[in-house]
Amino acid sequence: MNFNFNEQLASEYKSATQKVRVMSESWVADNIFCPCCGQPHIHKLDNNKPVADFECEGCGETFELKSKKGRIGKKISDGAYGTMIERITSTDNPDLFILRYTPSFEVTDLYVIPKFFFVPSIIEKRKPLSPASKRAGWVGCNILVSQIPSQGRINIISNGVVSEAEDVVNSYAKVRRLQTNNLESRGWLLDVLNCVNEIPTDEFSLQDVYKYTEILQAKHVNNHNVEAKIRQELQILRDKGFIEFLERGHYRKAPCSQ
């Protein structure tokens, strides 16, 4: 695999953003397989498509691409806040590719976040643009990628090493078990999974998870029995294969696919 962007593709563009968009989209179309079904290539959609950048002709899954030079960090900028919230609350939200490249336009990392890991709480509303700007009052957003459970960030390329397509597809198939179109249920499940991930040991107790009760209460202010909800979500995570039940009140994290 050639990890370098084709810089000739951007020779007619003046905007740095446009240059990166053209080069990165072409690179993904030429090099990346579908993480959902393993199809060798994904198809670049027309630029006038309002939601997605790519589509797999094998399984029909759609993808958006965000590229960033250097370290990705805890958040990545996206478009209009209102549009983003509308998208993630619909059923046609695309999966998200996040690509990292060097100043010399060499790809170092690429991972995919399945669409069912998006909830409104990970979308950060930015301040409106100033009255003096061309788009005065426009409100953008950031995706708080650090708040997405690690299981929802599936590596395709990590530090220049390409994952086997079969491993990526298997990882995607496993996390697909978490998919639900009910946003409230999705939010609870992912929040409790994040709490489990933060526990430093593989084996943990119910009391370890109860330590996050105040954090979960702050995120779900309308729930008045958080500990009962925690127990319910742990049972779902157990049934879906993300944790193992050892004995009453004790669990073990299931081995990761990647």
Protein backbone atom coordinates (compact mmCIF):
# COMPACT_ATOMS: atom_id res chain seq x y z
CA MET A 1 0.00 0.00 0.00
CA ASN A 2 1.24 3.46 -0.93
CA PHE A 3 0.68 5.67 2.14
CA ASN A 4 1.34 8.95 0.31
CA PHE A 5 -1.32 11.30 -1.04
CA ASN A 6 -1.18 12.11 -4.75
CA GLU A 7 -0.36 15.82 -4.54
CA GLN A 8 -0.90 16.32 -8.29
CA LEU A 9 -4.64 15.94 -7.71
CA ALA A 10 -4.67 19.18 -5.70
CA SER A 11 -2.64 21.33 -8.08
CA GLU A 12 -5.70 23.26 -9.29
CA TYR A 13 -6.94 24.17 -5.81
CA LYS A 14 -5.86 27.15 -3.73
CA SER A 15 -7.54 26.33 -0.42
CA ALA A 16 -5.51 24.04 1.84
CA THR A 17 -8.74 22.47 3.07
CA GLN A 18 -9.87 21.67 -0.46
CA LYS A 19 -6.48 20.22 -1.32
CA VAL A 20 -6.52 17.85 1.62
CA ARG A 21 -10.12 16.86 0.92
CA VAL A 22 -9.38 15.95 -2.70
CA MET A 23 -6.17 14.08 -1.90
CA SER A 24 -7.48 12.20 1.13
CA GLU A 25 -10.75 11.14 -0.51
CA SER A 26 -8.88 9.86 -3.56
CA TRP A 27 -6.44 7.97 -1.33
CA VAL A 28 -9.23 6.25 0.63
CA ALA A 29 -11.08 5.30 -2.56
CA ASP A 30 -7.91 3.75 -4.00
CA ASN A 31 -6.69 1.93 -0.92
CA ILE A 32 -9.32 1.15 1.71
CA PHE A 33 -11.59 -1.87 1.96
CA CYS A 34 -15.05 -1.78 3.48
CA PRO A 35 -14.71 -2.36 7.24
CA CYS A 36 -18.26 -3.73 7.38
CA CYS A 37 -18.11 -6.49 4.76
CA GLY A 38 -14.51 -6.59 3.52
CA GLN A 39 -15.29 -5.47 -0.04
CA PRO A 40 -11.84 -4.55 -1.52
CA HIS A 41 -12.82 -0.97 -2.40
CA ILE A 42 -15.45 1.59 -1.47
CA HIS A 43 -16.99 3.93 -4.00
CA LYS A 44 -16.47 7.71 -3.88
CA LEU A 45 -19.83 9.51 -3.97
CA ASP A 46 -20.49 12.73 -5.87
CA ASN A 47 -19.43 15.90 -4.05
CA ASN A 48 -23.02 17.14 -3.90
CA LYS A 49 -24.07 14.34 -1.54
CA PRO A 50 -24.96 16.16 1.69
CA VAL A 51 -24.22 13.36 4.16
CA ALA A 52 -21.65 10.79 3.03
CA ASP A 53 -18.39 10.70 1.06
CA PHE A 54 -18.23 6.96 0.25
CA GLU A 55 -20.48 3.98 -0.23
CA CYS A 56 -19.75 0.27 -0.30
CA GLU A 57 -21.33 -1.30 -3.36
CA GLY A 58 -21.28 -4.67 -1.59
CA CYS A 59 -23.22 -3.96 1.63
CA GLY A 60 -24.52 -0.44 0.99
CA GLU A 61 -22.85 1.08 4.08
CA THR A 62 -21.94 4.77 3.76
CA PHE A 63 -18.98 6.64 5.22
CA GLU A 64 -17.89 10.18 5.94
CA LEU A 65 -14.18 11.07 6.02
CA LYS A 66 -12.46 13.49 8.37
CA SER A 67 -8.73 14.05 7.93
CA LYS A 68 -6.32 15.76 10.28
CA LYS A 69 -2.64 16.63 10.08
CA GLY A 70 -0.68 15.50 13.11
CA ARG A 71 -2.13 14.37 16.41
CA ILE A 72 -5.90 13.78 16.39
CA GLY A 73 -6.41 14.66 20.05
CA LYS A 74 -9.64 14.52 22.03
CA LYS A 75 -11.90 16.17 19.47
CA ILE A 76 -12.20 16.79 15.76
CA SER A 77 -14.13 19.59 14.10
CA ASP A 78 -17.19 18.93 11.99
CA GLY A 79 -19.88 20.99 10.25
CA ALA A 80 -23.03 22.71 11.46
CA TYR A 81 -24.17 21.68 14.93
CA GLY A 82 -27.86 21.48 14.05
CA THR A 83 -27.20 19.38 10.96
CA MET A 84 -25.00 17.01 12.92
CA ILE A 85 -27.60 16.47 15.65
CA GLU A 86 -30.26 15.90 13.00
CA ARG A 87 -28.06 13.32 11.30
CA ILE A 88 -27.19 11.24 14.35
CA THR A 89 -30.83 11.12 15.41
CA SER A 90 -31.83 9.74 12.01
CA THR A 91 -31.37 6.26 10.57
CA ASP A 92 -29.11 7.24 7.65
CA ASN A 93 -26.13 8.63 9.53
CA PRO A 94 -22.88 7.38 7.92
CA ASP A 95 -20.00 5.68 9.67
CA LEU A 96 -17.01 7.96 10.20
CA PHE A 97 -13.46 7.46 8.96
CA ILE A 98 -10.85 9.49 10.85
CA LEU A 99 -7.55 9.73 8.99
CA ARG A 100 -4.27 11.11 10.29
CA TYR A 101 -1.51 12.30 7.98
CA THR A 102 1.91 13.93 8.31
CA PRO A 103 2.97 17.38 7.03
CA SER A 104 4.48 15.55 4.03
CA PHE A 105 1.02 14.05 3.25
CA GLU A 106 1.78 10.51 4.36
CA VAL A 107 -1.02 8.53 6.00
CA THR A 108 -0.11 7.14 9.43
CA ASP A 109 -3.45 6.19 10.99
CA LEU A 110 -7.01 5.46 9.97
CA TYR A 111 -9.88 4.19 12.06
CA VAL A 112 -13.61 3.87 11.62
CA ILE A 113 -16.32 4.80 14.12
CA PRO A 114 -19.58 2.96 13.40
CA LYS A 115 -22.63 5.21 13.24
CA PHE A 116 -24.28 3.52 16.22
CA PHE A 117 -21.61 4.95 18.52
CA PHE A 118 -22.86 8.49 17.94
CA VAL A 119 -25.05 10.14 20.57
CA PRO A 120 -25.82 13.86 21.10
CA SER A 121 -23.59 14.02 24.22
CA ILE A 122 -20.42 13.53 22.14
CA ILE A 123 -21.28 16.46 19.87
CA GLU A 124 -19.88 19.70 21.27
CA LYS A 125 -21.59 22.93 20.25
CA ARG A 126 -19.15 25.66 19.26
CA LYS A 127 -19.68 29.38 19.74
CA PRO A 128 -21.52 31.20 16.91
CA LEU A 129 -19.33 32.99 14.40
CA SER A 130 -18.90 36.68 15.07
CA PRO A 131 -21.13 39.29 13.37
CA ALA A 132 -18.12 40.44 11.36
CA SER A 133 -17.58 37.05 9.70
CA LYS A 134 -19.00 36.01 6.33
CA ARG A 135 -21.19 33.40 7.99
CA ALA A 136 -22.21 35.47 11.00
CA GLY A 137 -24.11 33.46 13.58
CA TRP A 138 -23.23 30.08 12.08
CA VAL A 139 -22.78 27.42 14.78
CA GLY A 140 -20.35 24.57 14.20
CA CYS A 141 -19.56 21.52 16.27
CA ASN A 142 -16.78 19.21 17.43
CA ILE A 143 -16.93 15.44 17.69
CA LEU A 144 -15.57 14.42 21.10
CA VAL A 145 -13.81 11.30 19.89
CA SER A 146 -12.22 10.72 23.30
CA GLN A 147 -15.70 10.07 24.74
CA ILE A 148 -16.41 7.26 22.29
CA PRO A 149 -15.72 3.83 23.84
CA SER A 150 -12.49 2.28 22.61
CA GLN A 151 -14.51 -0.58 21.07
CA GLY A 152 -16.06 1.99 18.74
CA ARG A 153 -12.74 3.12 17.28
CA ILE A 154 -11.74 0.26 15.01
CA ASN A 155 -8.20 0.51 13.69
CA ILE A 156 -7.64 0.01 9.98
CA ILE A 157 -4.15 1.55 9.99
CA SER A 158 -2.19 2.15 13.19
CA ASN A 159 1.24 3.82 13.06
CA GLY A 160 1.63 2.77 9.45
CA VAL A 161 0.60 -0.86 10.01
CA VAL A 162 -2.45 -2.06 8.11
CA SER A 163 -4.84 -4.39 9.92
CA GLU A 164 -6.03 -7.56 8.21
CA ALA A 165 -9.39 -6.98 6.56
CA GLU A 166 -10.81 -10.08 8.26
CA ASP A 167 -9.85 -8.74 11.71
CA VAL A 168 -11.47 -5.37 11.00
CA VAL A 169 -14.67 -6.97 9.69
CA ASN A 170 -14.83 -9.26 12.74
CA SER A 171 -14.36 -6.29 15.08
CA TYR A 172 -17.12 -4.40 13.29
CA ALA A 173 -19.43 -7.41 13.47
CA LYS A 174 -18.85 -7.69 17.22
CA VAL A 175 -19.60 -4.05 18.00
CA ARG A 176 -22.65 -4.17 15.75
CA ARG A 177 -24.27 -6.14 18.57
CA LEU A 178 -24.48 -2.82 20.42
CA GLN A 179 -26.54 -1.20 17.67
CA THR A 180 -29.88 0.29 18.67
CA ASN A 181 -31.86 3.08 17.06
CA ASN A 182 -33.19 4.18 20.45
CA LEU A 183 -30.94 7.11 21.38
CA GLU A 184 -31.65 6.93 25.11
CA SER A 185 -30.83 3.22 25.25
CA ARG A 186 -27.74 3.79 23.12
CA GLY A 187 -26.54 6.57 25.39
CA TRP A 188 -26.90 4.48 28.53
CA LEU A 189 -25.19 1.45 27.03
CA LEU A 190 -22.20 3.42 25.75
CA ASP A 191 -21.87 5.45 28.96
CA VAL A 192 -21.75 2.32 31.12
CA LEU A 193 -19.32 0.70 28.67
CA ASN A 194 -17.07 3.75 29.03
CA CYS A 195 -17.20 3.35 32.82
CA VAL A 196 -16.23 -0.31 32.54
CA ASN A 197 -13.36 0.61 30.21
CA GLU A 198 -12.02 3.09 32.76
CA ILE A 199 -11.70 0.44 35.47
CA PRO A 200 -7.98 -0.43 35.40
CA THR A 201 -8.33 -4.18 36.05
CA ASP A 202 -9.84 -6.85 33.81
CA GLU A 203 -11.88 -8.24 36.68
CA PHE A 204 -14.18 -5.83 38.48
CA SER A 205 -17.12 -5.70 40.82
CA LEU A 206 -20.50 -4.06 40.72
CA GLN A 207 -19.24 -1.69 43.40
CA ASP A 208 -16.47 -0.57 41.05
CA VAL A 209 -19.08 0.52 38.52
CA TYR A 210 -21.26 2.14 41.20
CA LYS A 211 -18.38 4.59 41.75
CA TYR A 212 -19.47 6.24 38.49
CA THR A 213 -23.04 6.79 39.70
CA GLU A 214 -22.70 10.57 40.08
CA ILE A 215 -21.17 10.91 36.61
CA LEU A 216 -23.96 8.87 35.06
CA GLN A 217 -26.60 10.75 37.04
CA ALA A 218 -25.27 14.05 35.66
CA LYS A 219 -25.60 12.70 32.11
CA HIS A 220 -29.05 11.21 32.66
CA VAL A 221 -30.78 13.68 34.95
CA ASN A 222 -34.24 12.21 34.44
CA ASN A 223 -33.28 8.81 35.77
CA HIS A 224 -33.83 8.45 39.53
CA ASN A 225 -32.49 4.94 40.04
CA VAL A 226 -29.05 4.94 38.45
CA GLU A 227 -27.72 1.88 40.26
CA ALA A 228 -30.59 -0.24 38.95
CA LYS A 229 -29.89 1.08 35.46
CA ILE A 230 -26.22 0.19 35.82
CA ARG A 231 -27.16 -3.39 36.66
CA GLN A 232 -29.44 -3.53 33.64
CA GLU A 233 -26.76 -2.23 31.28
CA LEU A 234 -24.16 -4.65 32.66
CA GLN A 235 -26.55 -7.49 31.90
CA ILE A 236 -26.92 -6.23 28.32
CA LEU A 237 -23.13 -5.95 27.95
CA ARG A 238 -22.83 -9.50 29.30
CA ASP A 239 -25.45 -10.82 26.87
CA LYS A 240 -23.73 -9.11 23.95
CA GLY A 241 -20.33 -10.55 24.85
CA PHE A 242 -18.50 -7.45 26.09
CA ILE A 243 -18.15 -8.59 29.69
CA GLU A 244 -18.30 -12.00 31.36
CA PHE A 245 -20.21 -12.86 34.51
CA LEU A 246 -18.04 -14.55 37.15
CA GLU A 247 -20.24 -14.68 40.23
CA ARG A 248 -22.78 -12.47 41.94
CA GLY A 249 -21.57 -8.87 41.61
CA HIS A 250 -18.31 -9.79 39.86
CA TYR A 251 -17.39 -9.57 36.19
CA ARG A 252 -14.49 -9.81 33.76
CA LYS A 253 -13.90 -7.73 30.64
CA ALA A 254 -14.14 -9.82 27.48
CA PRO A 255 -10.98 -10.02 25.33
CA CYS A 256 -10.76 -7.36 22.64
CA SER A 257 -10.98 -8.36 19.00
CA GLN A 258 -8.11 -6.07 18.03
